[in-house]
Amino acid sequence: MRGIVAYAEGVPRGFAEYMPAEVAPVPIEAPEGAILMCYHWAGTTDEDPEHLGHERELIERVIDETRGRFTGLATQGWDTPTHFPIPFLEELGFHEIVRHERIALMWLPYRKGAVAPTLAPAAHAPEDLSSGGLLAIEAAFSARCPYSLDFEARLKAAVSEHPLAERIRPTIHRIDTREDAFTYAVPPWDWSWVRFNGEPVDPFELLGDGLAEGIADRVRAIG
């Protein structure tokens, strides 16, 4: 992995990182290409667009650094206004290859005739234990991302302390290598995911007590 760190008044505020596709821990095939893994500018709220301007400069530097070494740069775009927004990536020259639900595979080719990236086929089917009156909670997280680790800790605590814990069967996977990413690839092909009895759950919608309440609602719905 290579990356760029941005400082403001001597304090680290932002970063952007990339990896050669053949070793990147994401379920994306991009022959001779690179993957823009993650980028972030800290210290602004979701409503403040300032971070997008700084992040744009960081990504432009990644593009400059990778253009002579790879056939193109691939990444995931999200149908959200604040993190990996698809229109923002399009302004930087990326175009959408394929979309599944809220996530798109984006591609910025550097060479004419460069082979476009593809998503790996789904290789993992999360459990559904509803027929037995149980709630299977299956999730994947990565040590690379503090947000991911934070939700992993919240999920484990919510399950262990839940009054209906005897009806919950949690399974946690770690996606820290390319092999992990392909082994646990599920639509929409994000590197982290949560499933309740096989159904996708957006962890960012389950804030505060909403996580425990969401689990309780799912268990009661089983009957």
C-alpha atoms as a PDB file:
ATOM      1  CA  MET A   1       0.000   0.000   0.000  1.00  0.00           C
ATOM      2  CA  ARG A   2       1.129   3.525  -0.799  1.00  0.00           C
ATOM      3  CA  GLY A   3      -0.493   6.725   0.296  1.00  0.00           C
ATOM      4  CA  ILE A   4      -0.483  10.462   0.772  1.00  0.00           C
ATOM      5  CA  VAL A   5      -0.969  12.261   4.090  1.00  0.00           C
ATOM      6  CA  ALA A   6      -2.044  15.909   4.207  1.00  0.00           C
ATOM      7  CA  TYR A   7      -1.194  18.223   7.100  1.00  0.00           C
ATOM      8  CA  ALA A   8      -2.803  21.442   8.294  1.00  0.00           C
ATOM      9  CA  GLU A   9      -0.806  23.540  10.750  1.00  0.00           C
ATOM     10  CA  GLY A  10       1.437  20.557  11.427  1.00  0.00           C
ATOM     11  CA  VAL A  11      -1.440  18.210  12.245  1.00  0.00           C
ATOM     12  CA  PRO A  12      -2.458  15.277   9.982  1.00  0.00           C
ATOM     13  CA  ARG A  13      -5.910  16.014   8.547  1.00  0.00           C
ATOM     14  CA  GLY A  14      -6.343  13.833   5.479  1.00  0.00           C
ATOM     15  CA  PHE A  15      -5.077  10.824   3.588  1.00  0.00           C
ATOM     16  CA  ALA A  16      -5.564   8.830   0.398  1.00  0.00           C
ATOM     17  CA  GLU A  17      -4.202   5.328  -0.160  1.00  0.00           C
ATOM     18  CA  TYR A  18      -3.913   2.906  -3.056  1.00  0.00           C
ATOM     19  CA  MET A  19      -2.662  -0.597  -3.837  1.00  0.00           C
ATOM     20  CA  PRO A  20      -1.897  -2.701  -6.911  1.00  0.00           C
ATOM     21  CA  ALA A  21      -5.106  -4.533  -7.779  1.00  0.00           C
ATOM     22  CA  GLU A  22      -3.510  -7.974  -7.611  1.00  0.00           C
ATOM     23  CA  VAL A  23      -2.917  -7.627  -3.855  1.00  0.00           C
ATOM     24  CA  ALA A  24      -5.719  -5.246  -2.798  1.00  0.00           C
ATOM     25  CA  PRO A  25      -8.151  -6.729  -0.209  1.00  0.00           C
ATOM     26  CA  VAL A  26     -11.266  -5.973  -2.263  1.00  0.00           C
ATOM     27  CA  PRO A  27     -13.202  -8.336  -4.590  1.00  0.00           C
ATOM     28  CA  ILE A  28     -12.230  -6.452  -7.745  1.00  0.00           C
ATOM     29  CA  GLU A  29     -10.300  -7.813 -10.739  1.00  0.00           C
ATOM     30  CA  ALA A  30      -8.314  -5.068 -12.476  1.00  0.00           C
ATOM     31  CA  PRO A  31      -5.386  -6.524 -14.471  1.00  0.00           C
ATOM     32  CA  GLU A  32      -2.321  -4.266 -14.148  1.00  0.00           C
ATOM     33  CA  GLY A  33      -4.507  -1.629 -12.532  1.00  0.00           C
ATOM     34  CA  ALA A  34      -4.494   0.014  -9.117  1.00  0.00           C
ATOM     35  CA  ILE A  35      -7.239   0.357  -6.522  1.00  0.00           C
ATOM     36  CA  LEU A  36      -8.002   3.616  -4.722  1.00  0.00           C
ATOM     37  CA  MET A  37      -8.647   2.041  -1.325  1.00  0.00           C
ATOM     38  CA  CYS A  38      -9.767   4.855   0.946  1.00  0.00           C
ATOM     39  CA  TYR A  39      -9.494   8.600   1.468  1.00  0.00           C
ATOM     40  CA  HIS A  40     -10.694  10.973   4.134  1.00  0.00           C
ATOM     41  CA  TRP A  41     -10.407  14.540   5.372  1.00  0.00           C
ATOM     42  CA  ALA A  42     -11.094  14.822   9.101  1.00  0.00           C
ATOM     43  CA  GLY A  43     -12.689  17.574  11.108  1.00  0.00           C
ATOM     44  CA  THR A  44     -15.752  18.573   9.077  1.00  0.00           C
ATOM     45  CA  THR A  45     -19.398  17.597   9.430  1.00  0.00           C
ATOM     46  CA  ASP A  46     -21.378  15.768   6.750  1.00  0.00           C
ATOM     47  CA  GLU A  47     -23.175  19.027   5.957  1.00  0.00           C
ATOM     48  CA  ASP A  48     -19.897  20.881   5.350  1.00  0.00           C
ATOM     49  CA  PRO A  49     -18.646  20.256   1.794  1.00  0.00           C
ATOM     50  CA  GLU A  50     -15.135  21.485   2.637  1.00  0.00           C
ATOM     51  CA  HIS A  51     -13.814  17.953   2.964  1.00  0.00           C
ATOM     52  CA  LEU A  52     -14.679  17.128  -0.666  1.00  0.00           C
ATOM     53  CA  GLY A  53     -12.376  19.855  -1.948  1.00  0.00           C
ATOM     54  CA  HIS A  54      -9.456  18.580   0.098  1.00  0.00           C
ATOM     55  CA  GLU A  55     -10.211  14.982  -0.806  1.00  0.00           C
ATOM     56  CA  ARG A  56     -10.320  15.919  -4.474  1.00  0.00           C
ATOM     57  CA  GLU A  57      -6.764  17.267  -4.231  1.00  0.00           C
ATOM     58  CA  LEU A  58      -5.612  14.089  -2.475  1.00  0.00           C
ATOM     59  CA  ILE A  59      -7.131  11.857  -5.155  1.00  0.00           C
ATOM     60  CA  GLU A  60      -5.657  14.021  -7.925  1.00  0.00           C
ATOM     61  CA  ARG A  61      -2.238  13.394  -6.383  1.00  0.00           C
ATOM     62  CA  VAL A  62      -2.922   9.647  -6.321  1.00  0.00           C
ATOM     63  CA  ILE A  63      -3.882   9.840  -9.999  1.00  0.00           C
ATOM     64  CA  ASP A  64      -0.652  11.672 -10.810  1.00  0.00           C
ATOM     65  CA  GLU A  65       1.363   9.099  -8.865  1.00  0.00           C
ATOM     66  CA  THR A  66      -0.285   6.025 -10.417  1.00  0.00           C
ATOM     67  CA  ARG A  67      -0.744   7.180 -14.014  1.00  0.00           C
ATOM     68  CA  GLY A  68       2.695   6.092 -15.221  1.00  0.00           C
ATOM     69  CA  ARG A  69       2.735   2.774 -13.365  1.00  0.00           C
ATOM     70  CA  PHE A  70      -0.710   1.243 -13.906  1.00  0.00           C
ATOM     71  CA  THR A  71      -3.263   0.818 -16.690  1.00  0.00           C
ATOM     72  CA  GLY A  72      -5.902   2.632 -14.685  1.00  0.00           C
ATOM     73  CA  LEU A  73      -7.364   3.337 -11.261  1.00  0.00           C
ATOM     74  CA  ALA A  74     -10.446   1.530  -9.948  1.00  0.00           C
ATOM     75  CA  THR A  75     -12.480   2.244  -6.838  1.00  0.00           C
ATOM     76  CA  GLN A  76     -15.935   1.907  -5.359  1.00  0.00           C
ATOM     77  CA  GLY A  77     -18.419   4.759  -5.636  1.00  0.00           C
ATOM     78  CA  TRP A  78     -21.307   5.128  -3.202  1.00  0.00           C
ATOM     79  CA  ASP A  79     -24.738   6.578  -3.811  1.00  0.00           C
ATOM     80  CA  THR A  80     -24.228   8.990  -0.901  1.00  0.00           C
ATOM     81  CA  PRO A  81     -23.323  12.707  -0.895  1.00  0.00           C
ATOM     82  CA  THR A  82     -20.433  12.570   1.554  1.00  0.00           C
ATOM     83  CA  HIS A  83     -18.279   9.430   1.214  1.00  0.00           C
ATOM     84  CA  PHE A  84     -17.058   8.146  -2.173  1.00  0.00           C
ATOM     85  CA  PRO A  85     -19.965   9.961  -3.906  1.00  0.00           C
ATOM     86  CA  ILE A  86     -20.375   8.782  -7.493  1.00  0.00           C
ATOM     87  CA  PRO A  87     -20.814  12.278  -9.058  1.00  0.00           C
ATOM     88  CA  PHE A  88     -17.660  13.460  -7.246  1.00  0.00           C
ATOM     89  CA  LEU A  89     -15.635  10.584  -8.731  1.00  0.00           C
ATOM     90  CA  GLU A  90     -17.129  11.242 -12.175  1.00  0.00           C
ATOM     91  CA  GLU A  91     -15.846  14.829 -11.994  1.00  0.00           C
ATOM     92  CA  LEU A  92     -12.362  13.373 -11.490  1.00  0.00           C
ATOM     93  CA  GLY A  93     -12.697  11.331 -14.691  1.00  0.00           C
ATOM     94  CA  PHE A  94     -13.976   8.017 -13.351  1.00  0.00           C
ATOM     95  CA  HIS A  95     -16.888   6.313 -15.074  1.00  0.00           C
ATOM     96  CA  GLU A  96     -19.285   3.695 -13.793  1.00  0.00           C
ATOM     97  CA  ILE A  97     -18.669   0.098 -14.886  1.00  0.00           C
ATOM     98  CA  VAL A  98     -21.494  -1.582 -12.990  1.00  0.00           C
ATOM     99  CA  ARG A  99     -23.733  -0.788 -10.035  1.00  0.00           C
ATOM    100  CA  HIS A 100     -25.365  -2.995  -7.443  1.00  0.00           C
ATOM    101  CA  GLU A 101     -27.730  -1.306  -5.020  1.00  0.00           C
ATOM    102  CA  ARG A 102     -25.894   1.703  -3.548  1.00  0.00           C
ATOM    103  CA  ILE A 103     -22.353   0.793  -4.659  1.00  0.00           C
ATOM    104  CA  ALA A 104     -20.792   1.201  -8.106  1.00  0.00           C
ATOM    105  CA  LEU A 105     -17.496  -0.017  -9.522  1.00  0.00           C
ATOM    106  CA  MET A 106     -15.740   3.076 -10.912  1.00  0.00           C
ATOM    107  CA  TRP A 107     -12.855   3.135 -13.396  1.00  0.00           C
ATOM    108  CA  LEU A 108     -10.373   5.729 -14.598  1.00  0.00           C
ATOM    109  CA  PRO A 109      -8.376   4.228 -17.515  1.00  0.00           C
ATOM    110  CA  TYR A 110      -4.905   5.608 -18.198  1.00  0.00           C
ATOM    111  CA  ARG A 111      -4.186   3.788 -21.443  1.00  0.00           C
ATOM    112  CA  LYS A 112      -6.165   3.226 -24.605  1.00  0.00           C
ATOM    113  CA  GLY A 113      -7.455  -0.327 -24.668  1.00  0.00           C
ATOM    114  CA  ALA A 114      -6.850  -0.880 -20.945  1.00  0.00           C
ATOM    115  CA  VAL A 115      -8.815  -3.864 -19.648  1.00  0.00           C
ATOM    116  CA  ALA A 116     -11.708  -2.579 -17.554  1.00  0.00           C
ATOM    117  CA  PRO A 117     -12.097  -3.976 -14.032  1.00  0.00           C
ATOM    118  CA  THR A 118     -14.745  -6.513 -13.062  1.00  0.00           C
ATOM    119  CA  LEU A 119     -16.348  -7.513  -9.792  1.00  0.00           C
ATOM    120  CA  ALA A 120     -15.658 -10.960  -8.424  1.00  0.00           C
ATOM    121  CA  PRO A 121     -18.675 -13.286  -8.387  1.00  0.00           C
ATOM    122  CA  ALA A 122     -20.442 -13.673  -5.048  1.00  0.00           C
ATOM    123  CA  ALA A 123     -18.671 -16.478  -3.213  1.00  0.00           C
ATOM    124  CA  HIS A 124     -20.387 -16.433   0.164  1.00  0.00           C
ATOM    125  CA  ALA A 125     -24.027 -16.938   1.155  1.00  0.00           C
ATOM    126  CA  PRO A 126     -24.793 -15.576   4.638  1.00  0.00           C
ATOM    127  CA  GLU A 127     -26.890 -17.846   6.833  1.00  0.00           C
ATOM    128  CA  ASP A 128     -30.655 -17.615   7.266  1.00  0.00           C
ATOM    129  CA  LEU A 129     -31.849 -19.341  10.444  1.00  0.00           C
ATOM    130  CA  SER A 130     -35.353 -17.890  10.495  1.00  0.00           C
ATOM    131  CA  SER A 131     -36.927 -21.308   9.875  1.00  0.00           C
ATOM    132  CA  GLY A 132     -35.573 -22.365  13.269  1.00  0.00           C
ATOM    133  CA  GLY A 133     -36.788 -19.215  15.030  1.00  0.00           C
ATOM    134  CA  LEU A 134     -33.273 -17.806  15.245  1.00  0.00           C
ATOM    135  CA  LEU A 135     -31.605 -14.644  13.988  1.00  0.00           C
ATOM    136  CA  ALA A 136     -28.315 -15.235  12.194  1.00  0.00           C
ATOM    137  CA  ILE A 137     -26.194 -12.087  12.344  1.00  0.00           C
ATOM    138  CA  GLU A 138     -23.292 -12.434   9.957  1.00  0.00           C
ATOM    139  CA  ALA A 139     -20.894  -9.584   9.327  1.00  0.00           C
ATOM    140  CA  ALA A 140     -17.489  -8.776   7.842  1.00  0.00           C
ATOM    141  CA  PHE A 141     -15.148  -6.060   9.016  1.00  0.00           C
ATOM    142  CA  SER A 142     -11.597  -4.938   8.363  1.00  0.00           C
ATOM    143  CA  ALA A 143      -8.763  -3.917  10.663  1.00  0.00           C
ATOM    144  CA  ARG A 144      -7.868  -1.288   8.028  1.00  0.00           C
ATOM    145  CA  CYS A 145     -10.808   0.949   8.916  1.00  0.00           C
ATOM    146  CA  PRO A 146     -11.543   2.503  12.337  1.00  0.00           C
ATOM    147  CA  TYR A 147     -15.221   2.934  11.415  1.00  0.00           C
ATOM    148  CA  SER A 148     -15.391  -0.760  10.629  1.00  0.00           C
ATOM    149  CA  LEU A 149     -13.752  -1.748  13.921  1.00  0.00           C
ATOM    150  CA  ASP A 150     -16.032   0.600  15.833  1.00  0.00           C
ATOM    151  CA  PHE A 151     -19.157  -1.019  14.422  1.00  0.00           C
ATOM    152  CA  GLU A 152     -17.707  -4.501  15.015  1.00  0.00           C
ATOM    153  CA  ALA A 153     -17.266  -3.659  18.706  1.00  0.00           C
ATOM    154  CA  ARG A 154     -20.768  -2.167  18.901  1.00  0.00           C
ATOM    155  CA  LEU A 155     -22.298  -5.212  17.249  1.00  0.00           C
ATOM    156  CA  LYS A 156     -20.530  -7.679  19.549  1.00  0.00           C
ATOM    157  CA  ALA A 157     -21.585  -5.698  22.620  1.00  0.00           C
ATOM    158  CA  ALA A 158     -25.179  -5.360  21.425  1.00  0.00           C
ATOM    159  CA  VAL A 159     -25.470  -9.109  20.860  1.00  0.00           C
ATOM    160  CA  SER A 160     -23.768 -10.199  24.083  1.00  0.00           C
ATOM    161  CA  GLU A 161     -25.901  -7.868  26.205  1.00  0.00           C
ATOM    162  CA  HIS A 162     -29.174  -8.414  24.344  1.00  0.00           C
ATOM    163  CA  PRO A 163     -32.146  -9.796  26.341  1.00  0.00           C
ATOM    164  CA  LEU A 164     -32.918 -12.116  23.406  1.00  0.00           C
ATOM    165  CA  ALA A 165     -29.307 -13.310  23.064  1.00  0.00           C
ATOM    166  CA  GLU A 166     -30.322 -16.980  23.229  1.00  0.00           C
ATOM    167  CA  ARG A 167     -32.073 -16.564  19.864  1.00  0.00           C
ATOM    168  CA  ILE A 168     -29.161 -14.786  18.132  1.00  0.00           C
ATOM    169  CA  ARG A 169     -26.326 -16.559  16.333  1.00  0.00           C
ATOM    170  CA  PRO A 170     -23.504 -14.092  15.487  1.00  0.00           C
ATOM    171  CA  THR A 171     -20.647 -14.832  13.067  1.00  0.00           C
ATOM    172  CA  ILE A 172     -17.924 -12.255  12.443  1.00  0.00           C
ATOM    173  CA  HIS A 173     -15.476 -12.439   9.518  1.00  0.00           C
ATOM    174  CA  ARG A 174     -12.363 -10.360   8.973  1.00  0.00           C
ATOM    175  CA  ILE A 175     -11.553  -9.082   5.483  1.00  0.00           C
ATOM    176  CA  ASP A 176      -7.918  -8.046   5.775  1.00  0.00           C
ATOM    177  CA  THR A 177      -6.399  -9.849   2.767  1.00  0.00           C
ATOM    178  CA  ARG A 178      -7.273 -10.340  -0.884  1.00  0.00           C
ATOM    179  CA  GLU A 179      -8.075 -13.992  -0.169  1.00  0.00           C
ATOM    180  CA  ASP A 180     -10.516 -12.892   2.555  1.00  0.00           C
ATOM    181  CA  ALA A 181     -12.167 -10.428   0.169  1.00  0.00           C
ATOM    182  CA  PHE A 182     -12.818 -13.062  -2.479  1.00  0.00           C
ATOM    183  CA  THR A 183     -13.850 -15.744   0.034  1.00  0.00           C
ATOM    184  CA  TYR A 184     -16.464 -13.517   1.638  1.00  0.00           C
ATOM    185  CA  ALA A 185     -17.565 -11.574  -1.438  1.00  0.00           C
ATOM    186  CA  VAL A 186     -21.289 -10.801  -1.281  1.00  0.00           C
ATOM    187  CA  PRO A 187     -23.327  -8.214  -3.189  1.00  0.00           C
ATOM    188  CA  PRO A 188     -22.955  -5.257  -3.249  1.00  0.00           C
ATOM    189  CA  TRP A 189     -19.264  -6.227  -3.139  1.00  0.00           C
ATOM    190  CA  ASP A 190     -18.224  -3.896  -0.383  1.00  0.00           C
ATOM    191  CA  TRP A 191     -15.266  -4.922   1.792  1.00  0.00           C
ATOM    192  CA  SER A 192     -17.479  -4.743   4.893  1.00  0.00           C
ATOM    193  CA  TRP A 193     -21.073  -5.887   5.235  1.00  0.00           C
ATOM    194  CA  VAL A 194     -23.765  -6.927   7.724  1.00  0.00           C
ATOM    195  CA  ARG A 195     -26.571  -9.450   7.160  1.00  0.00           C
ATOM    196  CA  PHE A 196     -29.524 -10.310   9.401  1.00  0.00           C
ATOM    197  CA  ASN A 197     -30.756 -13.755   8.287  1.00  0.00           C
ATOM    198  CA  GLY A 198     -29.194 -13.118   4.898  1.00  0.00           C
ATOM    199  CA  GLU A 199     -30.765  -9.683   4.423  1.00  0.00           C
ATOM    200  CA  PRO A 200     -28.389  -6.687   4.036  1.00  0.00           C
ATOM    201  CA  VAL A 201     -28.327  -4.141   6.851  1.00  0.00           C
ATOM    202  CA  ASP A 202     -26.825  -0.668   6.625  1.00  0.00           C
ATOM    203  CA  PRO A 203     -24.735  -0.226   9.807  1.00  0.00           C
ATOM    204  CA  PHE A 204     -24.771   3.560   9.439  1.00  0.00           C
ATOM    205  CA  GLU A 205     -28.546   3.536   9.925  1.00  0.00           C
ATOM    206  CA  LEU A 206     -28.284   1.703  13.262  1.00  0.00           C
ATOM    207  CA  LEU A 207     -26.846   4.410  15.495  1.00  0.00           C
ATOM    208  CA  GLY A 208     -26.978   4.525  19.290  1.00  0.00           C
ATOM    209  CA  ASP A 209     -29.709   2.299  20.713  1.00  0.00           C
ATOM    210  CA  GLY A 210     -30.972   1.670  17.183  1.00  0.00           C
ATOM    211  CA  LEU A 211     -28.701  -1.357  16.828  1.00  0.00           C
ATOM    212  CA  ALA A 212     -30.187  -3.235  19.810  1.00  0.00           C
ATOM    213  CA  GLU A 213     -33.694  -2.159  18.796  1.00  0.00           C
ATOM    214  CA  GLY A 214     -33.132  -3.303  15.225  1.00  0.00           C
ATOM    215  CA  ILE A 215     -31.971  -6.708  16.430  1.00  0.00           C
ATOM    216  CA  ALA A 216     -35.000  -7.005  18.719  1.00  0.00           C
ATOM    217  CA  ASP A 217     -37.379  -6.102  15.883  1.00  0.00           C
ATOM    218  CA  ARG A 218     -35.851  -8.802  13.661  1.00  0.00           C
ATOM    219  CA  VAL A 219     -36.086 -11.460  16.365  1.00  0.00           C
ATOM    220  CA  ARG A 220     -39.720 -10.635  17.157  1.00  0.00           C
ATOM    221  CA  ALA A 221     -40.589 -10.705  13.436  1.00  0.00           C
ATOM    222  CA  ILE A 222     -39.392 -14.312  13.264  1.00  0.00           C
ATOM    223  CA  GLY A 223     -42.015 -15.266  15.854  1.00  0.00           C
END
